[in-house]
Protein backbone atom coordinates (compact mmCIF):
# COMPACT_ATOMS: atom_id res chain seq x y z
CA UNK A 1 183.65 33.75 19.80
CA UNK A 2 180.72 35.88 18.55
CA UNK A 3 177.55 34.10 17.48
CA UNK A 4 177.91 33.00 13.86
CA UNK A 5 181.65 33.68 13.85
CA UNK A 6 182.53 30.24 12.49
CA UNK A 7 180.57 30.85 9.30
CA UNK A 8 182.10 34.31 8.99
CA UNK A 9 185.58 32.78 9.31
CA UNK A 10 184.83 30.25 6.58
CA UNK A 11 183.44 32.90 4.26
CA UNK A 12 186.27 35.38 4.90
CA UNK A 13 188.77 32.58 4.20
CA UNK A 14 187.01 31.83 0.91
CA UNK A 15 187.02 35.55 -0.01
CA UNK A 16 190.73 35.80 0.77
CA UNK A 17 191.58 32.78 -1.43
CA UNK A 18 189.54 34.18 -4.33
CA UNK A 19 191.25 37.57 -3.99
CA UNK A 20 194.73 36.05 -3.88
CA UNK A 21 194.13 33.79 -6.87
CA UNK A 22 192.53 36.64 -8.86
CA UNK A 23 195.24 39.15 -7.96
CA UNK A 24 198.12 36.86 -8.98
CA UNK A 25 196.54 35.50 -12.18
CA UNK A 26 198.08 34.23 -14.53
CA UNK A 27 200.72 33.07 -11.94
CA UNK A 28 203.54 33.04 -14.49
CA UNK A 29 206.08 35.31 -16.14
CA UNK A 30 207.62 36.52 -12.86
CA UNK A 31 210.41 39.02 -13.32
CA UNK A 32 212.33 41.58 -11.26
CA UNK A 33 211.06 45.08 -12.12
CA UNK A 34 214.30 46.68 -10.91
CA UNK A 35 212.45 49.04 -8.53
CA UNK A 36 211.05 48.68 -5.08
CA UNK A 37 207.80 46.68 -4.67
CA UNK A 38 206.13 49.68 -2.99
CA UNK A 39 207.19 52.25 -5.60
CA UNK A 40 203.67 52.29 -7.08
CA UNK A 41 202.33 53.95 -3.88
CA UNK A 42 204.02 57.29 -4.64
CA UNK A 43 203.04 57.45 -8.32
CA UNK A 44 200.47 60.08 -9.32
CA UNK A 45 196.92 58.88 -9.89
CA UNK A 46 196.00 58.27 -13.56
CA UNK A 47 194.38 61.18 -15.38
CA UNK A 48 191.56 58.98 -16.70
CA UNK A 49 189.94 56.75 -14.15
CA UNK A 50 188.17 53.60 -15.37
CA UNK A 51 185.25 53.63 -13.00
CA UNK A 52 184.19 50.15 -13.98
CA UNK A 53 187.55 48.80 -12.80
CA UNK A 54 187.34 50.93 -9.66
CA UNK A 55 183.92 49.47 -8.89
CA UNK A 56 185.16 45.89 -9.46
CA UNK A 57 188.12 46.46 -7.11
CA UNK A 58 185.83 48.06 -4.55
CA UNK A 59 183.32 45.20 -4.74
CA UNK A 60 186.02 42.52 -4.49
CA UNK A 61 187.05 43.60 -1.00
CA UNK A 62 183.66 44.66 0.43
CA UNK A 63 182.54 41.09 1.24
CA UNK A 64 185.94 40.34 2.83
CA UNK A 65 185.66 43.41 5.08
CA UNK A 66 182.09 42.42 5.99
CA UNK A 67 182.90 38.80 6.96
CA UNK A 68 186.15 39.58 8.80
CA UNK A 69 184.31 42.19 10.86
CA UNK A 70 181.55 39.70 11.71
CA UNK A 71 184.15 37.09 12.73
CA UNK A 72 185.72 39.41 15.35
CA UNK A 73 182.56 41.08 16.65
CA UNK A 74 181.57 44.70 17.02
CA UNK A 75 184.22 45.75 19.54
CA UNK A 76 187.26 44.76 17.46
CA UNK A 77 185.89 43.81 14.04
CA UNK A 78 185.80 47.26 12.44
CA UNK A 79 189.48 48.01 13.17
CA UNK A 80 190.81 44.52 12.44
CA UNK A 81 188.81 44.19 9.24
CA UNK A 82 189.78 47.60 7.88
CA UNK A 83 193.50 47.06 8.58
CA UNK A 84 193.55 43.53 7.22
CA UNK A 85 191.89 44.54 3.95
CA UNK A 86 194.23 47.49 3.48
CA UNK A 87 197.31 45.32 4.20
CA UNK A 88 196.15 42.44 2.00
CA UNK A 89 195.53 44.83 -0.90
CA UNK A 90 198.94 46.43 -0.37
CA UNK A 91 200.60 42.98 -0.41
CA UNK A 92 198.76 41.92 -3.57
CA UNK A 93 199.62 45.14 -5.44
CA UNK A 94 203.26 44.84 -4.33
CA UNK A 95 203.51 41.26 -5.63
CA UNK A 96 201.93 42.38 -8.93
CA UNK A 97 205.05 44.50 -9.46
CA UNK A 98 206.78 41.21 -10.33
CA UNK A 99 204.11 40.17 -12.87
CA UNK A 100 204.62 42.00 -16.19
CA UNK A 101 201.03 41.26 -17.32
CA UNK A 102 199.63 42.97 -14.22
CA UNK A 103 199.78 46.64 -13.26
CA UNK A 104 200.31 47.58 -9.64
CA UNK A 105 198.26 50.69 -8.96
CA UNK A 106 197.78 52.98 -5.97
CA UNK A 107 194.26 53.62 -7.25
CA UNK A 108 193.47 49.91 -7.08
CA UNK A 109 194.88 49.87 -3.54
CA UNK A 110 192.61 52.78 -2.66
CA UNK A 111 189.57 51.11 -4.22
CA UNK A 112 190.25 47.78 -2.48
CA UNK A 113 190.79 49.44 0.87
CA UNK A 114 187.65 51.56 0.50
CA UNK A 115 185.66 48.42 -0.30
CA UNK A 116 187.00 46.58 2.72
CA UNK A 117 186.30 49.48 5.06
CA UNK A 118 182.78 49.90 3.64
CA UNK A 119 182.10 46.20 4.19
CA UNK A 120 183.38 46.47 7.74
CA UNK A 121 181.13 49.48 8.43
CA UNK A 122 178.10 47.59 7.12
CA UNK A 123 178.93 44.64 9.39
CA UNK A 124 179.26 47.00 12.34
CA UNK A 125 175.61 47.99 11.89
CA UNK A 126 174.50 44.50 10.81
CA UNK A 127 172.25 42.46 13.20
CA UNK A 128 174.42 39.34 13.11
CA UNK A 129 172.16 37.48 15.56
CA UNK A 130 169.25 37.78 13.13
CA UNK A 131 171.43 36.43 10.33
CA UNK A 132 172.44 33.49 12.52
CA UNK A 133 168.83 32.73 13.41
CA UNK A 134 167.85 32.67 9.74
CA UNK A 135 170.83 30.46 8.90
CA UNK A 136 170.12 28.04 11.76
CA UNK A 137 166.48 27.71 10.71
CA UNK A 138 167.51 26.26 7.36
CA UNK A 139 170.97 24.74 7.75
CA UNK A 140 172.51 22.35 10.20
CA UNK A 141 174.34 24.00 13.05
CA UNK A 142 178.06 23.54 13.47
CA UNK A 143 180.84 23.03 10.97
CA UNK A 144 178.75 20.90 8.58
CA UNK A 145 176.34 23.74 7.81
CA UNK A 146 178.91 26.54 7.96
CA UNK A 147 181.50 24.89 5.75
CA UNK A 148 178.76 23.83 3.33
CA UNK A 149 177.49 27.42 2.98
CA UNK A 150 181.05 28.55 2.22
CA UNK A 151 181.33 25.81 -0.40
CA UNK A 152 178.03 26.83 -2.06
CA UNK A 153 179.13 30.47 -2.01
CA UNK A 154 182.30 29.61 -3.93
CA UNK A 155 180.24 27.75 -6.53
CA UNK A 156 177.82 30.68 -6.93
CA UNK A 157 180.82 32.98 -7.46
CA UNK A 158 181.93 30.89 -10.46
CA UNK A 159 178.55 31.59 -12.11
CA UNK A 160 179.62 35.25 -12.57
CA UNK A 161 181.54 34.00 -15.64
CA UNK A 162 178.93 33.45 -18.37
CA UNK A 163 181.41 31.71 -20.63
CA UNK A 164 181.54 28.76 -18.22
CA UNK A 165 178.73 26.28 -18.75
CA UNK A 166 175.87 26.15 -16.28
CA UNK A 167 176.37 23.37 -13.75
CA UNK A 168 179.62 22.14 -15.23
CA UNK A 169 183.22 22.80 -16.23
CA UNK A 170 182.81 21.40 -19.72
CA UNK A 171 184.50 24.11 -21.77
CA UNK A 172 185.18 23.67 -25.47
CA UNK A 173 188.07 25.12 -27.42
CA UNK A 174 187.48 28.49 -29.12
CA UNK A 175 186.92 27.20 -32.62
CA UNK A 176 184.64 24.42 -31.51
CA UNK A 177 182.65 26.79 -29.29
CA UNK A 178 182.20 29.23 -32.16
CA UNK A 179 180.92 26.39 -34.33
CA UNK A 180 178.50 25.26 -31.64
CA UNK A 181 177.19 28.80 -31.09
CA UNK A 182 176.57 29.83 -34.68
CA UNK A 183 176.31 26.59 -36.67
CA UNK A 184 173.82 23.81 -36.01
CA UNK A 185 175.61 20.89 -34.30
CA UNK A 186 174.80 17.40 -33.22
CA UNK A 187 173.56 17.05 -29.69
CA UNK A 188 176.42 16.02 -27.35
CA UNK A 189 175.11 13.46 -24.78
CA UNK A 190 178.40 13.49 -22.88
CA UNK A 191 178.10 17.24 -22.26
CA UNK A 192 174.53 16.86 -20.98
CA UNK A 193 175.62 13.96 -18.76
CA UNK A 194 178.44 16.07 -17.34
CA UNK A 195 176.03 18.84 -16.40
CA UNK A 196 173.52 16.35 -14.94
CA UNK A 197 176.20 14.76 -12.79
CA UNK A 198 177.39 18.13 -11.54
CA UNK A 199 173.85 19.21 -10.64
CA UNK A 200 173.22 15.87 -8.92
CA UNK A 201 176.26 16.26 -6.71
CA UNK A 202 175.45 19.94 -6.07
CA UNK A 203 171.85 19.08 -5.06
CA UNK A 204 172.79 16.15 -2.81
CA UNK A 205 175.49 18.21 -1.06
CA UNK A 206 172.92 20.95 -0.48
CA UNK A 207 170.44 18.40 0.96
CA UNK A 208 173.11 17.08 3.35
CA UNK A 209 173.64 20.51 4.94
CA UNK A 210 169.91 21.35 5.27
CA UNK A 211 167.95 20.64 8.46
CA UNK A 212 165.91 17.39 8.16
CA UNK A 213 162.56 19.22 7.94
CA UNK A 214 163.96 21.43 5.14
CA UNK A 215 165.24 18.58 2.94
CA UNK A 216 162.99 19.44 0.01
CA UNK A 217 163.59 20.16 -3.67
CA UNK A 218 162.58 23.85 -3.31
CA UNK A 219 165.85 25.12 -1.71
CA UNK A 220 167.91 23.36 -4.39
CA UNK A 221 165.73 24.79 -7.17
CA UNK A 222 166.05 28.23 -5.54
CA UNK A 223 169.85 28.01 -5.60
CA UNK A 224 169.77 26.86 -9.22
CA UNK A 225 167.52 29.79 -10.19
CA UNK A 226 169.84 32.13 -8.29
CA UNK A 227 172.79 30.78 -10.31
CA UNK A 228 170.86 31.30 -13.56
CA UNK A 229 170.02 34.86 -12.49
CA UNK A 230 173.67 35.58 -11.70
CA UNK A 231 174.87 34.09 -14.99
CA UNK A 232 172.24 35.97 -17.04
CA UNK A 233 172.98 39.28 -15.35
CA UNK A 234 176.72 38.80 -15.89
CA UNK A 235 176.09 37.88 -19.53
CA UNK A 236 174.13 41.08 -19.99
CA UNK A 237 177.15 43.15 -18.91
CA UNK A 238 180.03 41.09 -20.24
CA UNK A 239 179.08 39.06 -23.29
CA UNK A 240 178.60 40.07 -26.87
CA UNK A 241 174.86 40.38 -27.63
CA UNK A 242 175.09 37.62 -30.25
CA UNK A 243 176.00 35.05 -27.57
CA UNK A 244 173.88 36.42 -24.71
CA UNK A 245 172.25 33.04 -23.99
CA UNK A 246 175.07 30.87 -25.34
CA UNK A 247 175.39 29.03 -22.03
CA UNK A 248 171.69 28.00 -22.20
CA UNK A 249 172.12 25.41 -24.97
CA UNK A 250 170.16 22.17 -25.40
CA UNK A 251 172.82 20.22 -23.49
CA UNK A 252 172.48 22.55 -20.52
CA UNK A 253 168.68 22.34 -20.50
CA UNK A 254 168.49 18.56 -20.79
CA UNK A 255 171.35 18.05 -18.35
CA UNK A 256 169.71 20.35 -15.82
CA UNK A 257 166.36 18.60 -16.13
CA UNK A 258 167.94 15.19 -15.74
CA UNK A 259 169.90 16.33 -12.72
CA UNK A 260 166.77 17.64 -11.02
CA UNK A 261 164.96 14.34 -11.61
CA UNK A 262 167.88 12.42 -10.09
CA UNK A 263 167.96 14.72 -7.06
CA UNK A 264 164.20 14.14 -6.58
CA UNK A 265 164.78 10.39 -6.61
CA UNK A 266 167.78 10.27 -4.27
CA UNK A 267 167.12 13.16 -1.86
CA UNK A 268 165.33 11.02 0.78
CA UNK A 269 168.04 8.32 0.99
CA UNK A 270 170.09 7.93 4.13
CA UNK A 271 172.85 10.59 4.51
CA UNK A 272 175.68 8.15 3.90
CA UNK A 273 174.01 6.83 0.76
CA UNK A 274 173.64 10.39 -0.56
CA UNK A 275 177.30 11.07 0.25
CA UNK A 276 178.43 8.03 -1.74
CA UNK A 277 176.22 8.95 -4.71
CA UNK A 278 177.38 12.58 -4.65
CA UNK A 279 181.05 11.55 -4.45
CA UNK A 280 180.57 9.06 -7.33
CA UNK A 281 178.94 11.80 -9.45
CA UNK A 282 181.83 14.19 -8.71
CA UNK A 283 184.46 11.58 -9.61
CA UNK A 284 182.64 10.94 -12.88
CA UNK A 285 182.53 14.68 -13.55
CA UNK A 286 186.26 14.94 -12.93
CA UNK A 287 186.80 12.11 -15.39
CA UNK A 288 184.83 14.05 -18.04
CA UNK A 289 186.95 17.16 -17.63
CA UNK A 290 190.33 15.41 -17.40
CA UNK A 291 190.01 12.67 -20.03
CA UNK A 292 188.29 14.70 -22.77
CA UNK A 293 190.73 16.37 -25.21
CA UNK A 294 188.53 19.43 -25.99
CA UNK A 295 188.70 21.00 -22.54
CA UNK A 296 189.84 24.62 -22.92
CA UNK A 297 192.36 26.68 -21.07
CA UNK A 298 191.00 29.36 -18.67
CA UNK A 299 191.69 32.17 -21.17
CA UNK A 300 190.31 30.63 -24.35
CA UNK A 301 186.78 31.92 -23.71
CA UNK A 302 187.79 35.60 -23.65
CA UNK A 303 186.91 36.09 -27.31
CA UNK A 304 183.24 35.90 -26.33
CA UNK A 305 183.39 39.00 -24.15
CA UNK A 306 182.66 42.58 -25.10
CA UNK A 307 184.14 44.03 -21.89
CA UNK A 308 186.96 46.49 -22.53
CA UNK A 309 188.28 47.03 -19.01
CA UNK A 310 191.38 45.65 -17.37
CA UNK A 311 189.81 43.35 -14.79
CA UNK A 312 188.32 40.88 -17.31
CA UNK A 313 191.30 38.50 -17.38
CA UNK A 314 191.36 38.59 -13.57
CA UNK A 315 187.67 37.70 -13.32
CA UNK A 316 187.88 35.04 -15.98
CA UNK A 317 191.00 33.43 -14.46
CA UNK A 318 189.63 33.37 -10.92
CA UNK A 319 186.25 31.91 -11.85
CA UNK A 320 187.72 29.32 -14.25
CA UNK A 321 190.24 28.21 -11.62
CA UNK A 322 187.57 27.85 -8.96
CA UNK A 323 185.30 25.93 -11.35
CA UNK A 324 188.07 23.40 -11.83
CA UNK A 325 189.00 22.97 -8.16
CA UNK A 326 185.46 23.06 -6.79
CA UNK A 327 184.82 19.30 -7.38
CA UNK A 328 187.91 18.50 -5.28
CA UNK A 329 186.76 20.87 -2.53
CA UNK A 330 183.36 19.19 -2.65
CA UNK A 331 184.97 15.73 -2.31
CA UNK A 332 186.90 16.92 0.75
CA UNK A 333 183.68 18.26 2.26
CA UNK A 334 181.85 14.96 1.61
CA UNK A 335 184.67 13.10 3.30
CA UNK A 336 184.43 15.45 6.26
CA UNK A 337 180.69 14.99 6.78
CA UNK A 338 180.86 11.19 6.14
CA UNK A 339 182.70 10.90 9.43
CA UNK A 340 180.13 13.12 11.17
CA UNK A 341 176.94 11.31 10.20
């Protein structure tokens, strides 16, 4: 197995799951189109190409092509990665024929395939050994570090959706959110506590996968700032100007500050103690999102967006779904490393 292949396998698996969930969203309304599932391949290309959609489709498969190629090494990676991306895209577009709310497109297939091949070509010239050395200098070697990086990557992906709160899955219904954005409202301690608990679990999980000499607050703060940068950049492209910084409310600021203080207090505890605290925080966060009646559906935040292209529901559905399952993935990861330490 090539050096660093385990991490590449984890990340390519994560990319594949995201692509499948996004491609089949909203997972309902299945019907027989009455024509063959591959009939879209022979249709003429549309006269007007939405280049924003083309770029999104291209970008969705480029990371997959990159990581699959790294997983198989230079000799076989380019061919295997290119073929797998093309076939996966063909399969997803064919299944979309049975979803009336989705449009199977040969142009989307072309964009996805081009993205996968480009990612594979980049990996073919990429010094994977240098990447592995950098990774090993910060993170634990073996499955603990590799699976943890994949878990953090999934969380960072959810931050692309600016309508989801920072460090939480506390999403209010449309009318309530409008009121909170444009009308002064009473501070919600429960929302701030939810964000603090999520950040605490996120920070402790990060500390558990770092090398002992790197267990400092700086890497956690760096990842948090990276998430803020991703969310702000996405808001600049996707949100209405009037709600550009809607995610950065008082609850988010106080919750984030409280979470950082708690991480600073607990980060030097024994690994098993940190695992228990992180798991407790995640379970409390799940309780917030499951026993509170004002949790929204994944599509109720779409009114905030000023993005007119067809991939917005796909992006919103995928990120919202991942935000809701991430705590359960994190619990599984904590259970895995509890047996290792």
